[in-house]
Amino acid sequence: MANQTQIDQITERVERLLLRYEELQRTNELLTEQVGLLTQERDSLKSRLGAARARVDALLERLPESSGHGHKTTAGTES
């Protein structure tokens, strides 16, 4: 009888471990999917940042060179 009780306890623990394993697998799949989405979002934001930098650089190139009487600030006023 003691052997049967031990077998029952081991069986119960194994079943709980299997359930926990399945839960962890599902959680891991969801986290992997989330990492993929965040990676895509990051890459998109990096691309947009690069494009914005290129536009700002192009605008800066179009600004006239400053004369000896002061320089232009980002607000377009002389300082």
PDB file of N, CA and C in Angstrom:
ATOM      1  N   MET A   1       0.820  -1.207   0.000  1.00  0.00           N
ATOM      2  CA  MET A   1       0.000   0.000   0.000  1.00  0.00           C
ATOM      3  C   MET A   1       0.855   1.259   0.000  1.00  0.00           C
ATOM      4  N   ALA A   2       1.949   1.218   0.730  1.00  0.00           N
ATOM      5  CA  ALA A   2       2.842   2.376   0.773  1.00  0.00           C
ATOM      6  C   ALA A   2       3.447   2.638  -0.598  1.00  0.00           C
ATOM      7  N   ASN A   3       3.763   1.561  -1.310  1.00  0.00           N
ATOM      8  CA  ASN A   3       4.298   1.718  -2.662  1.00  0.00           C
ATOM      9  C   ASN A   3       3.294   2.388  -3.586  1.00  0.00           C
ATOM     10  N   GLN A   4       2.031   2.030  -3.473  1.00  0.00           N
ATOM     11  CA  GLN A   4       0.989   2.618  -4.314  1.00  0.00           C
ATOM     12  C   GLN A   4       0.841   4.104  -4.011  1.00  0.00           C
ATOM     13  N   THR A   5       0.908   4.483  -2.729  1.00  0.00           N
ATOM     14  CA  THR A   5       0.820   5.894  -2.345  1.00  0.00           C
ATOM     15  C   THR A   5       1.977   6.678  -2.932  1.00  0.00           C
ATOM     16  N   GLN A   6       3.169   6.128  -2.879  1.00  0.00           N
ATOM     17  CA  GLN A   6       4.325   6.801  -3.471  1.00  0.00           C
ATOM     18  C   GLN A   6       4.174   6.924  -4.979  1.00  0.00           C
ATOM     19  N   ILE A   7       3.701   5.879  -5.615  1.00  0.00           N
ATOM     20  CA  ILE A   7       3.489   5.931  -7.067  1.00  0.00           C
ATOM     21  C   ILE A   7       2.447   6.987  -7.404  1.00  0.00           C
ATOM     22  N   ASP A   8       1.377   7.055  -6.621  1.00  0.00           N
ATOM     23  CA  ASP A   8       0.345   8.073  -6.847  1.00  0.00           C
ATOM     24  C   ASP A   8       0.909   9.481  -6.679  1.00  0.00           C
ATOM     25  N   GLN A   9       1.726   9.673  -5.664  1.00  0.00           N
ATOM     26  CA  GLN A   9       2.333  10.986  -5.431  1.00  0.00           C
ATOM     27  C   GLN A   9       3.274  11.357  -6.580  1.00  0.00           C
ATOM     28  N   ILE A  10       4.064  10.397  -7.017  1.00  0.00           N
ATOM     29  CA  ILE A  10       4.985  10.660  -8.131  1.00  0.00           C
ATOM     30  C   ILE A  10       4.197  10.956  -9.403  1.00  0.00           C
ATOM     31  N   THR A  11       3.140  10.190  -9.628  1.00  0.00           N
ATOM     32  CA  THR A  11       2.293  10.419 -10.807  1.00  0.00           C
ATOM     33  C   THR A  11       1.693  11.820 -10.774  1.00  0.00           C
ATOM     34  N   GLU A  12       1.201  12.223  -9.621  1.00  0.00           N
ATOM     35  CA  GLU A  12       0.618  13.562  -9.485  1.00  0.00           C
ATOM     36  C   GLU A  12       1.662  14.653  -9.746  1.00  0.00           C
ATOM     37  N   ARG A  13       2.850  14.471  -9.206  1.00  0.00           N
ATOM     38  CA  ARG A  13       3.920  15.459  -9.423  1.00  0.00           C
ATOM     39  C   ARG A  13       4.318  15.539 -10.891  1.00  0.00           C
ATOM     40  N   VAL A  14       4.415  14.389 -11.534  1.00  0.00           N
ATOM     41  CA  VAL A  14       4.766  14.363 -12.956  1.00  0.00           C
ATOM     42  C   VAL A  14       3.690  15.067 -13.774  1.00  0.00           C
ATOM     43  N   GLU A  15       2.421  14.818 -13.463  1.00  0.00           N
ATOM     44  CA  GLU A  15       1.333  15.480 -14.180  1.00  0.00           C
ATOM     45  C   GLU A  15       1.379  16.994 -13.981  1.00  0.00           C
ATOM     46  N   ARG A  16       1.659  17.431 -12.757  1.00  0.00           N
ATOM     47  CA  ARG A  16       1.783  18.875 -12.494  1.00  0.00           C
ATOM     48  C   ARG A  16       2.956  19.466 -13.255  1.00  0.00           C
ATOM     49  N   LEU A  17       4.061  18.732 -13.292  1.00  0.00           N
ATOM     50  CA  LEU A  17       5.230  19.209 -14.035  1.00  0.00           C
ATOM     51  C   LEU A  17       4.933  19.310 -15.525  1.00  0.00           C
ATOM     52  N   LEU A  18       4.200  18.346 -16.059  1.00  0.00           N
ATOM     53  CA  LEU A  18       3.834  18.392 -17.475  1.00  0.00           C
ATOM     54  C   LEU A  18       2.943  19.592 -17.779  1.00  0.00           C
ATOM     55  N   LEU A  19       1.985  19.872 -16.887  1.00  0.00           N
ATOM     56  CA  LEU A  19       1.129  21.050 -17.070  1.00  0.00           C
ATOM     57  C   LEU A  19       1.948  22.334 -17.023  1.00  0.00           C
ATOM     58  N   ARG A  20       2.845  22.402 -16.066  1.00  0.00           N
ATOM     59  CA  ARG A  20       3.689  23.592 -15.942  1.00  0.00           C
ATOM     60  C   ARG A  20       4.571  23.759 -17.173  1.00  0.00           C
ATOM     61  N   TYR A  21       5.098  22.650 -17.684  1.00  0.00           N
ATOM     62  CA  TYR A  21       5.920  22.681 -18.883  1.00  0.00           C
ATOM     63  C   TYR A  21       5.130  23.221 -20.071  1.00  0.00           C
ATOM     64  N   GLU A  22       3.883  22.754 -20.235  1.00  0.00           N
ATOM     65  CA  GLU A  22       3.035  23.237 -21.327  1.00  0.00           C
ATOM     66  C   GLU A  22       2.743  24.725 -21.183  1.00  0.00           C
ATOM     67  N   GLU A  23       2.485  25.163 -19.953  1.00  0.00           N
ATOM     68  CA  GLU A  23       2.253  26.598 -19.714  1.00  0.00           C
ATOM     69  C   GLU A  23       3.486  27.414 -20.093  1.00  0.00           C
ATOM     70  N   LEU A  24       4.650  26.917 -19.697  1.00  0.00           N
ATOM     71  CA  LEU A  24       5.887  27.634 -20.014  1.00  0.00           C
ATOM     72  C   LEU A  24       6.146  27.660 -21.518  1.00  0.00           C
ATOM     73  N   GLN A  25       5.803  26.586 -22.199  1.00  0.00           N
ATOM     74  CA  GLN A  25       5.956  26.569 -23.658  1.00  0.00           C
ATOM     75  C   GLN A  25       5.068  27.629 -24.297  1.00  0.00           C
ATOM     76  N   ARG A  26       3.810  27.719 -23.859  1.00  0.00           N
ATOM     77  CA  ARG A  26       2.895  28.730 -24.409  1.00  0.00           C
ATOM     78  C   ARG A  26       3.405  30.136 -24.104  1.00  0.00           C
ATOM     79  N   THR A  27       3.867  30.344 -22.878  1.00  0.00           N
ATOM     80  CA  THR A  27       4.404  31.656 -22.503  1.00  0.00           C
ATOM     81  C   THR A  27       5.613  32.002 -23.364  1.00  0.00           C
ATOM     82  N   ASN A  28       6.473  31.032 -23.576  1.00  0.00           N
ATOM     83  CA  ASN A  28       7.663  31.259 -24.395  1.00  0.00           C
ATOM     84  C   ASN A  28       7.281  31.607 -25.834  1.00  0.00           C
ATOM     85  N   GLU A  29       6.287  30.925 -26.384  1.00  0.00           N
ATOM     86  CA  GLU A  29       5.832  31.232 -27.741  1.00  0.00           C
ATOM     87  C   GLU A  29       5.304  32.661 -27.825  1.00  0.00           C
ATOM     88  N   LEU A  30       4.513  33.064 -26.830  1.00  0.00           N
ATOM     89  CA  LEU A  30       3.975  34.429 -26.819  1.00  0.00           C
ATOM     90  C   LEU A  30       5.098  35.464 -26.697  1.00  0.00           C
ATOM     91  N   LEU A  31       6.062  35.185 -25.840  1.00  0.00           N
ATOM     92  CA  LEU A  31       7.176  36.122 -25.671  1.00  0.00           C
ATOM     93  C   LEU A  31       8.035  36.197 -26.928  1.00  0.00           C
ATOM     94  N   THR A  32       8.233  35.061 -27.584  1.00  0.00           N
ATOM     95  CA  THR A  32       9.002  35.054 -28.831  1.00  0.00           C
ATOM     96  C   THR A  32       8.290  35.887 -29.894  1.00  0.00           C
ATOM     97  N   GLU A  33       6.975  35.746 -29.965  1.00  0.00           N
ATOM     98  CA  GLU A  33       6.193  36.545 -30.914  1.00  0.00           C
ATOM     99  C   GLU A  33       6.304  38.034 -30.584  1.00  0.00           C
ATOM    100  N   GLN A  34       6.229  38.358 -29.296  1.00  0.00           N
ATOM    101  CA  GLN A  34       6.316  39.748 -28.879  1.00  0.00           C
ATOM    102  C   GLN A  34       7.697  40.329 -29.206  1.00  0.00           C
ATOM    103  N   VAL A  35       8.741  39.560 -28.996  1.00  0.00           N
ATOM    104  CA  VAL A  35      10.090  40.020 -29.331  1.00  0.00           C
ATOM    105  C   VAL A  35      10.185  40.301 -30.831  1.00  0.00           C
ATOM    106  N   GLY A  36       9.593  39.427 -31.635  1.00  0.00           N
ATOM    107  CA  GLY A  36       9.602  39.646 -33.083  1.00  0.00           C
ATOM    108  C   GLY A  36       8.903  40.941 -33.466  1.00  0.00           C
ATOM    109  N   LEU A  37       7.743  41.185 -32.862  1.00  0.00           N
ATOM    110  CA  LEU A  37       7.012  42.417 -33.159  1.00  0.00           C
ATOM    111  C   LEU A  37       7.786  43.650 -32.710  1.00  0.00           C
ATOM    112  N   LEU A  38       8.388  43.581 -31.527  1.00  0.00           N
ATOM    113  CA  LEU A  38       9.155  44.722 -31.031  1.00  0.00           C
ATOM    114  C   LEU A  38      10.411  44.952 -31.871  1.00  0.00           C
ATOM    115  N   THR A  39      10.998  43.882 -32.368  1.00  0.00           N
ATOM    116  CA  THR A  39      12.165  44.021 -33.238  1.00  0.00           C
ATOM    117  C   THR A  39      11.771  44.722 -34.531  1.00  0.00           C
ATOM    118  N   GLN A  40      10.629  44.336 -35.097  1.00  0.00           N
ATOM    119  CA  GLN A  40      10.150  45.006 -36.308  1.00  0.00           C
ATOM    120  C   GLN A  40       9.870  46.481 -36.041  1.00  0.00           C
ATOM    121  N   GLU A  41       9.243  46.768 -34.900  1.00  0.00           N
ATOM    122  CA  GLU A  41       8.943  48.159 -34.560  1.00  0.00           C
ATOM    123  C   GLU A  41      10.227  48.959 -34.388  1.00  0.00           C
ATOM    124  N   ARG A  42      11.223  48.369 -33.700  1.00  0.00           N
ATOM    125  CA  ARG A  42      12.505  49.043 -33.518  1.00  0.00           C
ATOM    126  C   ARG A  42      13.168  49.337 -34.856  1.00  0.00           C
ATOM    127  N   ASP A  43      13.169  48.348 -35.736  1.00  0.00           N
ATOM    128  CA  ASP A  43      13.788  48.531 -37.047  1.00  0.00           C
ATOM    129  C   ASP A  43      13.083  49.623 -37.844  1.00  0.00           C
ATOM    130  N   SER A  44      11.760  49.649 -37.747  1.00  0.00           N
ATOM    131  CA  SER A  44      10.992  50.691 -38.429  1.00  0.00           C
ATOM    132  C   SER A  44      11.329  52.075 -37.870  1.00  0.00           C
ATOM    133  N   LEU A  45      11.419  52.170 -36.549  1.00  0.00           N
ATOM    134  CA  LEU A  45      11.753  53.459 -35.929  1.00  0.00           C
ATOM    135  C   LEU A  45      13.174  53.900 -36.283  1.00  0.00           C
ATOM    136  N   LYS A  46      14.102  52.949 -36.342  1.00  0.00           N
ATOM    137  CA  LYS A  46      15.471  53.290 -36.735  1.00  0.00           C
ATOM    138  C   LYS A  46      15.503  53.795 -38.167  1.00  0.00           C
ATOM    139  N   SER A  47      14.718  53.187 -39.035  1.00  0.00           N
ATOM    140  CA  SER A  47      14.646  53.615 -40.426  1.00  0.00           C
ATOM    141  C   SER A  47      14.060  55.030 -40.527  1.00  0.00           C
ATOM    142  N   ARG A  48      12.984  55.266 -39.777  1.00  0.00           N
ATOM    143  CA  ARG A  48      12.374  56.604 -39.779  1.00  0.00           C
ATOM    144  C   ARG A  48      13.333  57.648 -39.227  1.00  0.00           C
ATOM    145  N   LEU A  49      14.086  57.277 -38.189  1.00  0.00           N
ATOM    146  CA  LEU A  49      15.063  58.195 -37.621  1.00  0.00           C
ATOM    147  C   LEU A  49      16.145  58.526 -38.644  1.00  0.00           C
ATOM    148  N   GLY A  50      16.614  57.517 -39.350  1.00  0.00           N
ATOM    149  CA  GLY A  50      17.623  57.755 -40.381  1.00  0.00           C
ATOM    150  C   GLY A  50      17.114  58.678 -41.471  1.00  0.00           C
ATOM    151  N   ALA A  51      15.863  58.474 -41.883  1.00  0.00           N
ATOM    152  CA  ALA A  51      15.270  59.339 -42.911  1.00  0.00           C
ATOM    153  C   ALA A  51      15.131  60.771 -42.394  1.00  0.00           C
ATOM    154  N   ALA A  52      14.712  60.915 -41.137  1.00  0.00           N
ATOM    155  CA  ALA A  52      14.568  62.256 -40.555  1.00  0.00           C
ATOM    156  C   ALA A  52      15.930  62.946 -40.460  1.00  0.00           C
ATOM    157  N   ARG A  53      16.949  62.197 -40.072  1.00  0.00           N
ATOM    158  CA  ARG A  53      18.291  62.783 -40.015  1.00  0.00           C
ATOM    159  C   ARG A  53      18.750  63.244 -41.389  1.00  0.00           C
ATOM    160  N   ALA A  54      18.469  62.440 -42.393  1.00  0.00           N
ATOM    161  CA  ALA A  54      18.851  62.811 -43.758  1.00  0.00           C
ATOM    162  C   ALA A  54      18.137  64.097 -44.184  1.00  0.00           C
ATOM    163  N   ARG A  55      16.853  64.209 -43.826  1.00  0.00           N
ATOM    164  CA  ARG A  55      16.115  65.440 -44.175  1.00  0.00           C
ATOM    165  C   ARG A  55      16.690  66.643 -43.450  1.00  0.00           C
ATOM    166  N   VAL A  56      17.012  66.486 -42.165  1.00  0.00           N
ATOM    167  CA  VAL A  56      17.595  67.594 -41.399  1.00  0.00           C
ATOM    168  C   VAL A  56      18.956  67.971 -41.988  1.00  0.00           C
ATOM    169  N   ASP A  57      19.777  66.992 -42.315  1.00  0.00           N
ATOM    170  CA  ASP A  57      21.074  67.277 -42.929  1.00  0.00           C
ATOM    171  C   ASP A  57      20.906  68.023 -44.247  1.00  0.00           C
ATOM    172  N   ALA A  58      19.921  67.610 -45.047  1.00  0.00           N
ATOM    173  CA  ALA A  58      19.678  68.288 -46.325  1.00  0.00           C
ATOM    174  C   ALA A  58      19.243  69.725 -46.089  1.00  0.00           C
ATOM    175  N   LEU A  59      18.405  69.943 -45.074  1.00  0.00           N
ATOM    176  CA  LEU A  59      17.980  71.321 -44.768  1.00  0.00           C
ATOM    177  C   LEU A  59      19.156  72.154 -44.267  1.00  0.00           C
ATOM    178  N   LEU A  60      20.008  71.563 -43.462  1.00  0.00           N
ATOM    179  CA  LEU A  60      21.178  72.295 -42.964  1.00  0.00           C
ATOM    180  C   LEU A  60      22.104  72.691 -44.097  1.00  0.00           C
ATOM    181  N   GLU A  61      22.223  71.844 -45.089  1.00  0.00           N
ATOM    182  CA  GLU A  61      23.069  72.155 -46.247  1.00  0.00           C
ATOM    183  C   GLU A  61      22.514  73.338 -47.024  1.00  0.00           C
ATOM    184  N   ARG A  62      21.218  73.509 -46.981  1.00  0.00           N
ATOM    185  CA  ARG A  62      20.589  74.602 -47.734  1.00  0.00           C
ATOM    186  C   ARG A  62      20.691  75.943 -47.019  1.00  0.00           C
ATOM    187  N   LEU A  63      21.034  75.944 -45.732  1.00  0.00           N
ATOM    188  CA  LEU A  63      21.155  77.198 -44.993  1.00  0.00           C
ATOM    189  C   LEU A  63      22.356  77.977 -45.514  1.00  0.00           C
ATOM    190  N   PRO A  64      22.199  79.290 -45.607  1.00  0.00           N
ATOM    191  CA  PRO A  64      23.348  80.107 -46.055  1.00  0.00           C
ATOM    192  C   PRO A  64      24.442  80.102 -44.988  1.00  0.00           C
ATOM    193  N   GLU A  65      25.663  80.270 -45.442  1.00  0.00           N
ATOM    194  CA  GLU A  65      26.793  80.372 -44.515  1.00  0.00           C
ATOM    195  C   GLU A  65      26.616  81.634 -43.686  1.00  0.00           C
ATOM    196  N   SER A  66      27.060  81.596 -42.433  1.00  0.00           N
ATOM    197  CA  SER A  66      26.900  82.760 -41.564  1.00  0.00           C
ATOM    198  C   SER A  66      27.934  83.816 -41.928  1.00  0.00           C
ATOM    199  N   SER A  67      27.532  85.075 -41.763  1.00  0.00           N
ATOM    200  CA  SER A  67      28.472  86.173 -41.976  1.00  0.00           C
ATOM    201  C   SER A  67      29.149  86.484 -40.647  1.00  0.00           C
ATOM    202  N   GLY A  68      30.051  87.401 -40.617  1.00  0.00           N
ATOM    203  CA  GLY A  68      30.781  87.719 -39.400  1.00  0.00           C
ATOM    204  C   GLY A  68      29.947  88.415 -38.352  1.00  0.00           C
ATOM    205  N   HIS A  69      28.677  88.731 -38.611  1.00  0.00           N
ATOM    206  CA  HIS A  69      27.838  89.490 -37.683  1.00  0.00           C
ATOM    207  C   HIS A  69      26.993  88.609 -36.776  1.00  0.00           C
ATOM    208  N   GLY A  70      27.317  87.406 -36.648  1.00  0.00           N
ATOM    209  CA  GLY A  70      26.512  86.511 -35.809  1.00  0.00           C
ATOM    210  C   GLY A  70      26.183  85.266 -36.626  1.00  0.00           C
ATOM    211  N   HIS A  71      25.630  84.320 -35.958  1.00  0.00           N
ATOM    212  CA  HIS A  71      25.269  83.095 -36.679  1.00  0.00           C
ATOM    213  C   HIS A  71      23.804  82.781 -36.464  1.00  0.00           C
ATOM    214  N   LYS A  72      23.265  82.030 -37.361  1.00  0.00           N
ATOM    215  CA  LYS A  72      21.852  81.663 -37.260  1.00  0.00           C
ATOM    216  C   LYS A  72      21.694  80.546 -36.236  1.00  0.00           C
ATOM    217  N   THR A  73      20.655  80.659 -35.437  1.00  0.00           N
ATOM    218  CA  THR A  73      20.330  79.583 -34.501  1.00  0.00           C
ATOM    219  C   THR A  73      19.223  78.742 -35.129  1.00  0.00           C
ATOM    220  N   THR A  74      18.836  77.718 -34.445  1.00  0.00           N
ATOM    221  CA  THR A  74      17.793  76.845 -35.002  1.00  0.00           C
ATOM    222  C   THR A  74      16.456  77.561 -35.143  1.00  0.00           C
ATOM    223  N   ALA A  75      16.272  78.666 -34.416  1.00  0.00           N
ATOM    224  CA  ALA A  75      15.026  79.432 -34.522  1.00  0.00           C
ATOM    225  C   ALA A  75      15.091  80.415 -35.685  1.00  0.00           C
ATOM    226  N   GLY A  76      16.257  80.543 -36.307  1.00  0.00           N
ATOM    227  CA  GLY A  76      16.389  81.428 -37.452  1.00  0.00           C
ATOM    228  C   GLY A  76      16.690  82.863 -37.081  1.00  0.00           C
ATOM    229  N   THR A  77      17.029  83.143 -35.841  1.00  0.00           N
ATOM    230  CA  THR A  77      17.377  84.503 -35.421  1.00  0.00           C
ATOM    231  C   THR A  77      18.868  84.612 -35.238  1.00  0.00           C
ATOM    232  N   GLU A  78      19.364  85.807 -35.381  1.00  0.00           N
ATOM    233  CA  GLU A  78      20.799  86.005 -35.185  1.00  0.00           C
ATOM    234  C   GLU A  78      21.105  86.134 -33.705  1.00  0.00           C
ATOM    235  N   SER A  79      22.264  85.647 -33.327  1.00  0.00           N
ATOM    236  CA  SER A  79      22.651  85.784 -31.928  1.00  0.00           C
ATOM    237  C   SER A  79      23.938  86.558 -31.813  1.00  0.00           C
TER     238      SER A  79
END
